[in-house]
Amino acid sequence: MNKNQSLPWDHPRFRSWIAVGRACQMMQTALGRALAPLDIKTPHLDILINLYRHEGISQQELAHKLLVGRSNMSMLLPQMEKRGLISRRDDPKDKRVLRLFLTEKGRDVTERAMTIQTDLIERTLSVTPIDECLRLATHMEALIARLHADSIEED
């Protein structure tokens, strides 16, 4: 290795980079464990919550909101439909578009999952003052925007 080449752990922001990544992994793991009794995983929750908030959106709109490819959607949605959590319906104006809706069972599971998630958020972040949480959110949103912009430039 070249002596002039910097190592990641020598960078002054490395600790922040690692902390963000570890926090994200640990939050996903904790949420996954908490959702296990409902037999859903975090990708399912992301879909369910988005349909709860924006019922009737298209598969393409949902994929865009979740920043995932249509192939991911095409794997998850049939599973969720088979379990009776969602229904897919033709768009009356454009037969090429499928609109997504929660079923009664899906709405119940979503509401229970949101309670679990909210309780986890409260337990995890209740020791942090609200103003610090908001400041952290602002920083993370800026980081997300930069990473998103970088990914668009690469495409």
N, C-alpha and C. Protein backbone atom coordinates (compact mmCIF):
# COMPACT_ATOMS: atom_id res chain seq x y z
N MET A 1 0.85 -1.19 0.00
CA MET A 1 0.00 0.00 0.00
C MET A 1 0.89 1.24 0.00
N ASN A 2 0.52 2.20 -0.78
CA ASN A 2 1.25 3.45 -0.91
C ASN A 2 1.18 4.22 0.41
N LYS A 3 2.32 4.75 0.86
CA LYS A 3 2.36 5.48 2.13
C LYS A 3 1.49 6.74 2.11
N ASN A 4 1.30 7.32 0.93
CA ASN A 4 0.48 8.53 0.83
C ASN A 4 -1.01 8.22 0.73
N GLN A 5 -1.33 6.95 0.55
CA GLN A 5 -2.73 6.57 0.43
C GLN A 5 -3.37 6.55 1.82
N SER A 6 -4.53 7.17 1.93
CA SER A 6 -5.19 7.20 3.24
C SER A 6 -6.02 5.94 3.43
N LEU A 7 -6.11 5.53 4.66
CA LEU A 7 -6.89 4.36 5.02
C LEU A 7 -8.25 4.82 5.54
N PRO A 8 -9.28 4.04 5.32
CA PRO A 8 -10.61 4.49 5.74
C PRO A 8 -10.67 4.90 7.21
N TRP A 9 -10.08 4.13 8.08
CA TRP A 9 -10.17 4.42 9.52
C TRP A 9 -9.35 5.63 9.94
N ASP A 10 -8.53 6.14 9.03
CA ASP A 10 -7.79 7.37 9.31
C ASP A 10 -8.61 8.62 8.96
N HIS A 11 -9.69 8.44 8.25
CA HIS A 11 -10.52 9.57 7.85
C HIS A 11 -11.26 10.10 9.08
N PRO A 12 -11.32 11.43 9.27
CA PRO A 12 -11.98 11.97 10.47
C PRO A 12 -13.47 11.66 10.56
N ARG A 13 -14.10 11.32 9.45
CA ARG A 13 -15.54 11.02 9.46
C ARG A 13 -15.84 9.52 9.45
N PHE A 14 -14.80 8.71 9.51
CA PHE A 14 -14.98 7.25 9.46
C PHE A 14 -15.86 6.76 10.59
N ARG A 15 -15.63 7.26 11.79
CA ARG A 15 -16.42 6.83 12.95
C ARG A 15 -17.91 7.09 12.73
N SER A 16 -18.24 8.24 12.13
CA SER A 16 -19.64 8.55 11.83
C SER A 16 -20.20 7.58 10.79
N TRP A 17 -19.42 7.31 9.76
CA TRP A 17 -19.84 6.40 8.69
C TRP A 17 -20.17 5.02 9.26
N ILE A 18 -19.28 4.51 10.10
CA ILE A 18 -19.47 3.20 10.70
C ILE A 18 -20.68 3.22 11.65
N ALA A 19 -20.80 4.27 12.44
CA ALA A 19 -21.90 4.36 13.40
C ALA A 19 -23.26 4.37 12.69
N VAL A 20 -23.36 5.11 11.59
CA VAL A 20 -24.61 5.15 10.83
C VAL A 20 -24.93 3.76 10.29
N GLY A 21 -23.96 3.11 9.71
CA GLY A 21 -24.17 1.77 9.15
C GLY A 21 -24.57 0.76 10.22
N ARG A 22 -23.88 0.78 11.34
CA ARG A 22 -24.20 -0.17 12.42
C ARG A 22 -25.57 0.12 13.02
N ALA A 23 -25.89 1.39 13.21
CA ALA A 23 -27.20 1.74 13.76
C ALA A 23 -28.30 1.25 12.82
N CYS A 24 -28.11 1.44 11.53
CA CYS A 24 -29.10 0.99 10.55
C CYS A 24 -29.28 -0.53 10.62
N GLN A 25 -28.17 -1.26 10.65
CA GLN A 25 -28.25 -2.72 10.73
C GLN A 25 -28.95 -3.17 12.00
N MET A 26 -28.60 -2.54 13.12
CA MET A 26 -29.18 -2.94 14.40
C MET A 26 -30.67 -2.58 14.47
N MET A 27 -31.05 -1.44 13.90
CA MET A 27 -32.47 -1.07 13.88
C MET A 27 -33.26 -2.05 13.03
N GLN A 28 -32.72 -2.44 11.88
CA GLN A 28 -33.40 -3.40 11.02
C GLN A 28 -33.55 -4.75 11.72
N THR A 29 -32.49 -5.17 12.42
CA THR A 29 -32.54 -6.44 13.16
C THR A 29 -33.57 -6.38 14.27
N ALA A 30 -33.57 -5.29 15.04
CA ALA A 30 -34.52 -5.15 16.15
C ALA A 30 -35.95 -5.11 15.63
N LEU A 31 -36.18 -4.39 14.55
CA LEU A 31 -37.52 -4.31 13.99
C LEU A 31 -37.94 -5.67 13.44
N GLY A 32 -37.03 -6.35 12.78
CA GLY A 32 -37.34 -7.68 12.27
C GLY A 32 -37.76 -8.64 13.37
N ARG A 33 -37.02 -8.62 14.49
CA ARG A 33 -37.38 -9.47 15.64
C ARG A 33 -38.74 -9.08 16.19
N ALA A 34 -38.99 -7.79 16.31
CA ALA A 34 -40.26 -7.32 16.88
C ALA A 34 -41.45 -7.68 15.99
N LEU A 35 -41.23 -7.72 14.67
CA LEU A 35 -42.32 -8.03 13.73
C LEU A 35 -42.55 -9.52 13.54
N ALA A 36 -41.63 -10.34 14.02
CA ALA A 36 -41.71 -11.80 13.80
C ALA A 36 -43.05 -12.41 14.20
N PRO A 37 -43.67 -12.00 15.32
CA PRO A 37 -44.96 -12.60 15.67
C PRO A 37 -46.07 -12.34 14.63
N LEU A 38 -45.90 -11.31 13.83
CA LEU A 38 -46.88 -11.01 12.78
C LEU A 38 -46.54 -11.74 11.47
N ASP A 39 -45.41 -12.43 11.46
CA ASP A 39 -44.94 -13.16 10.28
C ASP A 39 -44.74 -12.23 9.08
N ILE A 40 -44.18 -11.04 9.36
CA ILE A 40 -43.78 -10.14 8.29
C ILE A 40 -42.36 -9.68 8.55
N LYS A 41 -41.70 -9.27 7.49
CA LYS A 41 -40.34 -8.75 7.57
C LYS A 41 -40.38 -7.26 7.23
N THR A 42 -39.25 -6.59 7.45
CA THR A 42 -39.24 -5.14 7.22
C THR A 42 -39.61 -4.73 5.79
N PRO A 43 -39.20 -5.48 4.74
CA PRO A 43 -39.67 -5.07 3.40
C PRO A 43 -41.19 -5.13 3.27
N HIS A 44 -41.81 -6.12 3.93
CA HIS A 44 -43.28 -6.20 3.92
C HIS A 44 -43.87 -4.99 4.62
N LEU A 45 -43.28 -4.63 5.76
CA LEU A 45 -43.78 -3.47 6.51
C LEU A 45 -43.69 -2.20 5.68
N ASP A 46 -42.58 -2.03 4.97
CA ASP A 46 -42.42 -0.85 4.11
C ASP A 46 -43.56 -0.77 3.10
N ILE A 47 -43.89 -1.90 2.51
CA ILE A 47 -44.98 -1.94 1.52
C ILE A 47 -46.31 -1.65 2.20
N LEU A 48 -46.57 -2.33 3.30
CA LEU A 48 -47.86 -2.17 3.99
C LEU A 48 -48.08 -0.73 4.44
N ILE A 49 -47.06 -0.12 5.02
CA ILE A 49 -47.21 1.26 5.50
C ILE A 49 -47.44 2.21 4.33
N ASN A 50 -46.74 1.99 3.23
CA ASN A 50 -46.95 2.85 2.06
C ASN A 50 -48.36 2.69 1.51
N LEU A 51 -48.88 1.47 1.51
CA LEU A 51 -50.26 1.27 1.03
C LEU A 51 -51.26 1.84 2.02
N TYR A 52 -50.95 1.80 3.29
CA TYR A 52 -51.81 2.40 4.31
C TYR A 52 -51.93 3.90 4.08
N ARG A 53 -50.80 4.51 3.75
CA ARG A 53 -50.77 5.97 3.54
C ARG A 53 -51.23 6.37 2.15
N HIS A 54 -50.97 5.54 1.14
CA HIS A 54 -51.22 5.91 -0.25
C HIS A 54 -51.94 4.76 -0.97
N GLU A 55 -53.04 4.34 -0.40
CA GLU A 55 -53.75 3.21 -0.98
C GLU A 55 -54.15 3.50 -2.42
N GLY A 56 -53.99 2.49 -3.28
CA GLY A 56 -54.34 2.64 -4.67
C GLY A 56 -53.18 3.09 -5.56
N ILE A 57 -51.97 3.21 -4.98
CA ILE A 57 -50.84 3.59 -5.84
C ILE A 57 -50.47 2.40 -6.73
N SER A 58 -49.75 2.72 -7.78
CA SER A 58 -49.35 1.67 -8.72
C SER A 58 -48.11 0.96 -8.19
N GLN A 59 -47.85 -0.22 -8.75
CA GLN A 59 -46.65 -0.96 -8.37
C GLN A 59 -45.40 -0.12 -8.67
N GLN A 60 -45.41 0.58 -9.79
CA GLN A 60 -44.27 1.40 -10.18
C GLN A 60 -44.07 2.55 -9.20
N GLU A 61 -45.16 3.20 -8.80
CA GLU A 61 -45.05 4.29 -7.82
C GLU A 61 -44.51 3.77 -6.49
N LEU A 62 -44.96 2.60 -6.07
CA LEU A 62 -44.49 2.01 -4.83
C LEU A 62 -43.01 1.69 -4.92
N ALA A 63 -42.58 1.10 -6.00
CA ALA A 63 -41.16 0.78 -6.18
C ALA A 63 -40.32 2.06 -6.12
N HIS A 64 -40.82 3.13 -6.73
CA HIS A 64 -40.11 4.41 -6.71
C HIS A 64 -40.02 4.96 -5.29
N LYS A 65 -41.12 4.90 -4.53
CA LYS A 65 -41.12 5.40 -3.15
C LYS A 65 -40.15 4.62 -2.27
N LEU A 66 -40.05 3.32 -2.51
CA LEU A 66 -39.19 2.47 -1.68
C LEU A 66 -37.76 2.39 -2.21
N LEU A 67 -37.50 3.04 -3.33
CA LEU A 67 -36.17 3.04 -3.95
C LEU A 67 -35.69 1.63 -4.26
N VAL A 68 -36.61 0.81 -4.77
CA VAL A 68 -36.27 -0.55 -5.16
C VAL A 68 -36.69 -0.78 -6.60
N GLY A 69 -36.12 -1.81 -7.18
CA GLY A 69 -36.48 -2.14 -8.55
C GLY A 69 -37.80 -2.87 -8.63
N ARG A 70 -38.36 -2.87 -9.83
CA ARG A 70 -39.64 -3.55 -10.02
C ARG A 70 -39.50 -5.05 -9.79
N SER A 71 -38.29 -5.59 -9.97
CA SER A 71 -38.10 -7.03 -9.74
C SER A 71 -38.31 -7.37 -8.27
N ASN A 72 -37.87 -6.49 -7.37
CA ASN A 72 -38.13 -6.72 -5.94
C ASN A 72 -39.62 -6.72 -5.66
N MET A 73 -40.33 -5.78 -6.27
CA MET A 73 -41.77 -5.71 -6.08
C MET A 73 -42.45 -6.97 -6.63
N SER A 74 -41.97 -7.42 -7.78
CA SER A 74 -42.62 -8.58 -8.40
C SER A 74 -42.39 -9.86 -7.60
N MET A 75 -41.41 -9.87 -6.71
CA MET A 75 -41.20 -11.02 -5.83
C MET A 75 -42.07 -10.91 -4.58
N LEU A 76 -42.14 -9.73 -3.97
CA LEU A 76 -42.83 -9.56 -2.70
C LEU A 76 -44.35 -9.48 -2.83
N LEU A 77 -44.83 -8.77 -3.82
CA LEU A 77 -46.27 -8.53 -3.92
C LEU A 77 -47.10 -9.80 -4.09
N PRO A 78 -46.68 -10.75 -4.94
CA PRO A 78 -47.47 -11.98 -5.04
C PRO A 78 -47.53 -12.75 -3.72
N GLN A 79 -46.43 -12.75 -2.96
CA GLN A 79 -46.42 -13.42 -1.65
C GLN A 79 -47.45 -12.77 -0.73
N MET A 80 -47.44 -11.45 -0.72
CA MET A 80 -48.35 -10.70 0.16
C MET A 80 -49.80 -10.87 -0.28
N GLU A 81 -50.01 -10.94 -1.58
CA GLU A 81 -51.36 -11.15 -2.10
C GLU A 81 -51.85 -12.56 -1.72
N LYS A 82 -50.99 -13.54 -1.85
CA LYS A 82 -51.34 -14.92 -1.50
C LYS A 82 -51.70 -15.05 -0.03
N ARG A 83 -51.04 -14.26 0.82
CA ARG A 83 -51.32 -14.29 2.26
C ARG A 83 -52.56 -13.48 2.62
N GLY A 84 -53.14 -12.81 1.65
CA GLY A 84 -54.37 -12.06 1.88
C GLY A 84 -54.13 -10.69 2.50
N LEU A 85 -52.92 -10.15 2.35
CA LEU A 85 -52.61 -8.84 2.92
C LEU A 85 -52.91 -7.69 1.97
N ILE A 86 -52.76 -7.94 0.68
CA ILE A 86 -52.98 -6.91 -0.33
C ILE A 86 -53.79 -7.47 -1.48
N SER A 87 -54.34 -6.57 -2.26
CA SER A 87 -54.96 -6.98 -3.53
C SER A 87 -54.42 -6.05 -4.62
N ARG A 88 -54.30 -6.61 -5.80
CA ARG A 88 -53.87 -5.84 -6.97
C ARG A 88 -55.05 -5.78 -7.93
N ARG A 89 -55.34 -4.57 -8.38
CA ARG A 89 -56.50 -4.37 -9.26
C ARG A 89 -56.07 -3.57 -10.48
N ASP A 90 -56.72 -3.87 -11.58
CA ASP A 90 -56.46 -3.10 -12.80
C ASP A 90 -56.87 -1.66 -12.60
N ASP A 91 -56.10 -0.76 -13.18
CA ASP A 91 -56.45 0.65 -13.19
C ASP A 91 -57.58 0.82 -14.21
N PRO A 92 -58.69 1.43 -13.81
CA PRO A 92 -59.81 1.57 -14.76
C PRO A 92 -59.46 2.41 -15.99
N LYS A 93 -58.48 3.30 -15.86
CA LYS A 93 -58.12 4.18 -16.98
C LYS A 93 -56.99 3.61 -17.85
N ASP A 94 -56.19 2.71 -17.28
CA ASP A 94 -55.04 2.16 -18.01
C ASP A 94 -54.86 0.71 -17.60
N LYS A 95 -55.25 -0.19 -18.44
CA LYS A 95 -55.23 -1.63 -18.12
C LYS A 95 -53.79 -2.17 -17.94
N ARG A 96 -52.80 -1.41 -18.34
CA ARG A 96 -51.41 -1.85 -18.15
C ARG A 96 -50.94 -1.64 -16.72
N VAL A 97 -51.68 -0.83 -15.95
CA VAL A 97 -51.27 -0.45 -14.60
C VAL A 97 -52.07 -1.24 -13.57
N LEU A 98 -51.34 -1.76 -12.58
CA LEU A 98 -52.00 -2.43 -11.45
C LEU A 98 -51.95 -1.50 -10.25
N ARG A 99 -53.08 -1.35 -9.60
CA ARG A 99 -53.18 -0.53 -8.38
C ARG A 99 -53.18 -1.46 -7.18
N LEU A 100 -52.57 -1.00 -6.09
CA LEU A 100 -52.39 -1.82 -4.90
C LEU A 100 -53.27 -1.33 -3.75
N PHE A 101 -53.90 -2.28 -3.07
CA PHE A 101 -54.80 -1.97 -1.96
C PHE A 101 -54.56 -2.94 -0.82
N LEU A 102 -54.76 -2.46 0.39
CA LEU A 102 -54.73 -3.34 1.56
C LEU A 102 -56.07 -4.06 1.66
N THR A 103 -56.01 -5.32 2.06
CA THR A 103 -57.22 -6.04 2.40
C THR A 103 -57.55 -5.71 3.86
N GLU A 104 -58.67 -6.19 4.33
CA GLU A 104 -59.02 -5.98 5.74
C GLU A 104 -57.94 -6.61 6.64
N LYS A 105 -57.52 -7.81 6.28
CA LYS A 105 -56.44 -8.47 7.04
C LYS A 105 -55.15 -7.65 6.96
N GLY A 106 -54.85 -7.15 5.78
CA GLY A 106 -53.64 -6.34 5.60
C GLY A 106 -53.67 -5.07 6.43
N ARG A 107 -54.83 -4.44 6.50
CA ARG A 107 -54.97 -3.22 7.31
C ARG A 107 -54.77 -3.56 8.79
N ASP A 108 -55.32 -4.67 9.25
CA ASP A 108 -55.15 -5.09 10.65
C ASP A 108 -53.68 -5.36 10.95
N VAL A 109 -53.03 -6.12 10.09
CA VAL A 109 -51.60 -6.43 10.31
C VAL A 109 -50.78 -5.15 10.28
N THR A 110 -51.07 -4.25 9.37
CA THR A 110 -50.34 -2.99 9.27
C THR A 110 -50.50 -2.16 10.55
N GLU A 111 -51.71 -2.06 11.05
CA GLU A 111 -51.94 -1.28 12.27
C GLU A 111 -51.22 -1.90 13.47
N ARG A 112 -51.22 -3.21 13.56
CA ARG A 112 -50.49 -3.87 14.64
C ARG A 112 -48.98 -3.67 14.48
N ALA A 113 -48.50 -3.76 13.25
CA ALA A 113 -47.07 -3.56 12.98
C ALA A 113 -46.64 -2.13 13.28
N MET A 114 -47.49 -1.17 12.94
CA MET A 114 -47.15 0.24 13.22
C MET A 114 -47.07 0.48 14.73
N THR A 115 -47.92 -0.17 15.49
CA THR A 115 -47.84 -0.06 16.95
C THR A 115 -46.52 -0.63 17.45
N ILE A 116 -46.13 -1.78 16.92
CA ILE A 116 -44.86 -2.40 17.29
C ILE A 116 -43.70 -1.47 16.94
N GLN A 117 -43.72 -0.92 15.73
CA GLN A 117 -42.65 -0.03 15.29
C GLN A 117 -42.59 1.24 16.14
N THR A 118 -43.75 1.82 16.43
CA THR A 118 -43.79 3.04 17.24
C THR A 118 -43.27 2.78 18.65
N ASP A 119 -43.63 1.64 19.22
CA ASP A 119 -43.13 1.27 20.55
C ASP A 119 -41.61 1.10 20.53
N LEU A 120 -41.10 0.48 19.48
CA LEU A 120 -39.65 0.30 19.35
C LEU A 120 -38.95 1.64 19.21
N ILE A 121 -39.50 2.52 18.40
CA ILE A 121 -38.93 3.87 18.25
C ILE A 121 -38.90 4.57 19.60
N GLU A 122 -39.98 4.50 20.33
CA GLU A 122 -40.05 5.16 21.64
C GLU A 122 -39.02 4.58 22.61
N ARG A 123 -38.95 3.25 22.69
CA ARG A 123 -37.98 2.62 23.60
C ARG A 123 -36.54 2.98 23.21
N THR A 124 -36.27 3.03 21.93
CA THR A 124 -34.92 3.26 21.45
C THR A 124 -34.49 4.72 21.58
N LEU A 125 -35.39 5.63 21.25
CA LEU A 125 -35.01 7.03 21.16
C LEU A 125 -35.50 7.90 22.31
N SER A 126 -36.22 7.34 23.26
CA SER A 126 -36.80 8.15 24.33
C SER A 126 -35.74 8.83 25.20
N VAL A 127 -34.52 8.30 25.22
CA VAL A 127 -33.46 8.92 26.02
C VAL A 127 -32.82 10.11 25.31
N THR A 128 -33.16 10.28 24.04
CA THR A 128 -32.60 11.37 23.25
C THR A 128 -33.62 12.50 23.15
N PRO A 129 -33.25 13.70 23.53
CA PRO A 129 -34.20 14.83 23.43
C PRO A 129 -34.70 15.01 22.00
N ILE A 130 -35.95 15.44 21.89
CA ILE A 130 -36.59 15.61 20.58
C ILE A 130 -35.77 16.50 19.66
N ASP A 131 -35.23 17.61 20.18
CA ASP A 131 -34.47 18.51 19.30
C ASP A 131 -33.23 17.82 18.73
N GLU A 132 -32.61 16.94 19.50
CA GLU A 132 -31.46 16.18 18.98
C GLU A 132 -31.92 15.16 17.94
N CYS A 133 -33.07 14.52 18.18
CA CYS A 133 -33.62 13.59 17.18
C CYS A 133 -33.89 14.31 15.86
N LEU A 134 -34.47 15.49 15.95
CA LEU A 134 -34.77 16.26 14.74
C LEU A 134 -33.50 16.70 14.03
N ARG A 135 -32.49 17.09 14.79
CA ARG A 135 -31.21 17.48 14.20
C ARG A 135 -30.56 16.28 13.49
N LEU A 136 -30.59 15.15 14.16
CA LEU A 136 -30.04 13.93 13.56
C LEU A 136 -30.80 13.58 12.28
N ALA A 137 -32.12 13.68 12.31
CA ALA A 137 -32.93 13.39 11.12
C ALA A 137 -32.55 14.32 9.96
N THR A 138 -32.32 15.58 10.26
CA THR A 138 -31.92 16.53 9.23
C THR A 138 -30.59 16.12 8.60
N HIS A 139 -29.65 15.72 9.43
CA HIS A 139 -28.35 15.27 8.91
C HIS A 139 -28.48 14.00 8.07
N MET A 140 -29.28 13.06 8.55
CA MET A 140 -29.45 11.81 7.82
C MET A 140 -30.19 12.04 6.50
N GLU A 141 -31.16 12.94 6.48
CA GLU A 141 -31.88 13.26 5.24
C GLU A 141 -30.93 13.89 4.23
N ALA A 142 -30.01 14.72 4.70
CA ALA A 142 -29.02 15.32 3.80
C ALA A 142 -28.09 14.23 3.25
N LEU A 143 -27.69 13.30 4.11
CA LEU A 143 -26.84 12.19 3.67
C LEU A 143 -27.57 11.35 2.63
N ILE A 144 -28.83 11.05 2.88
CA ILE A 144 -29.63 10.28 1.93
C ILE A 144 -29.71 11.01 0.59
N ALA A 145 -29.94 12.30 0.62
CA ALA A 145 -30.03 13.09 -0.62
C ALA A 145 -28.72 13.04 -1.40
N ARG A 146 -27.59 13.15 -0.68
CA ARG A 146 -26.29 13.09 -1.37
C ARG A 146 -26.07 11.71 -1.99
N LEU A 147 -26.37 10.66 -1.24
CA LEU A 147 -26.19 9.31 -1.77
C LEU A 147 -27.13 9.05 -2.94
N HIS A 148 -28.34 9.54 -2.85
CA HIS A 148 -29.31 9.38 -3.93
C HIS A 148 -28.82 10.12 -5.18
N ALA A 149 -28.35 11.33 -5.00
CA ALA A 149 -27.84 12.11 -6.15
C ALA A 149 -26.66 11.39 -6.79
N ASP A 150 -25.77 10.83 -5.96
CA ASP A 150 -24.63 10.07 -6.49
C ASP A 150 -25.10 8.86 -7.29
N SER A 151 -26.12 8.17 -6.79
CA SER A 151 -26.60 6.97 -7.50
C SER A 151 -27.24 7.35 -8.84
N ILE A 152 -27.90 8.50 -8.90
CA ILE A 152 -28.51 8.96 -10.15
C ILE A 152 -27.41 9.29 -11.16
N GLU A 153 -26.35 9.96 -10.69
CA GLU A 153 -25.23 10.30 -11.57
C GLU A 153 -24.57 9.05 -12.14
N GLU A 154 -24.50 7.99 -11.34
CA GLU A 154 -23.87 6.74 -11.78
C GLU A 154 -24.70 6.01 -12.81
N ASP A 155 -26.04 6.19 -12.76
CA ASP A 155 -26.94 5.51 -13.70
C ASP A 155 -26.92 6.20 -15.00
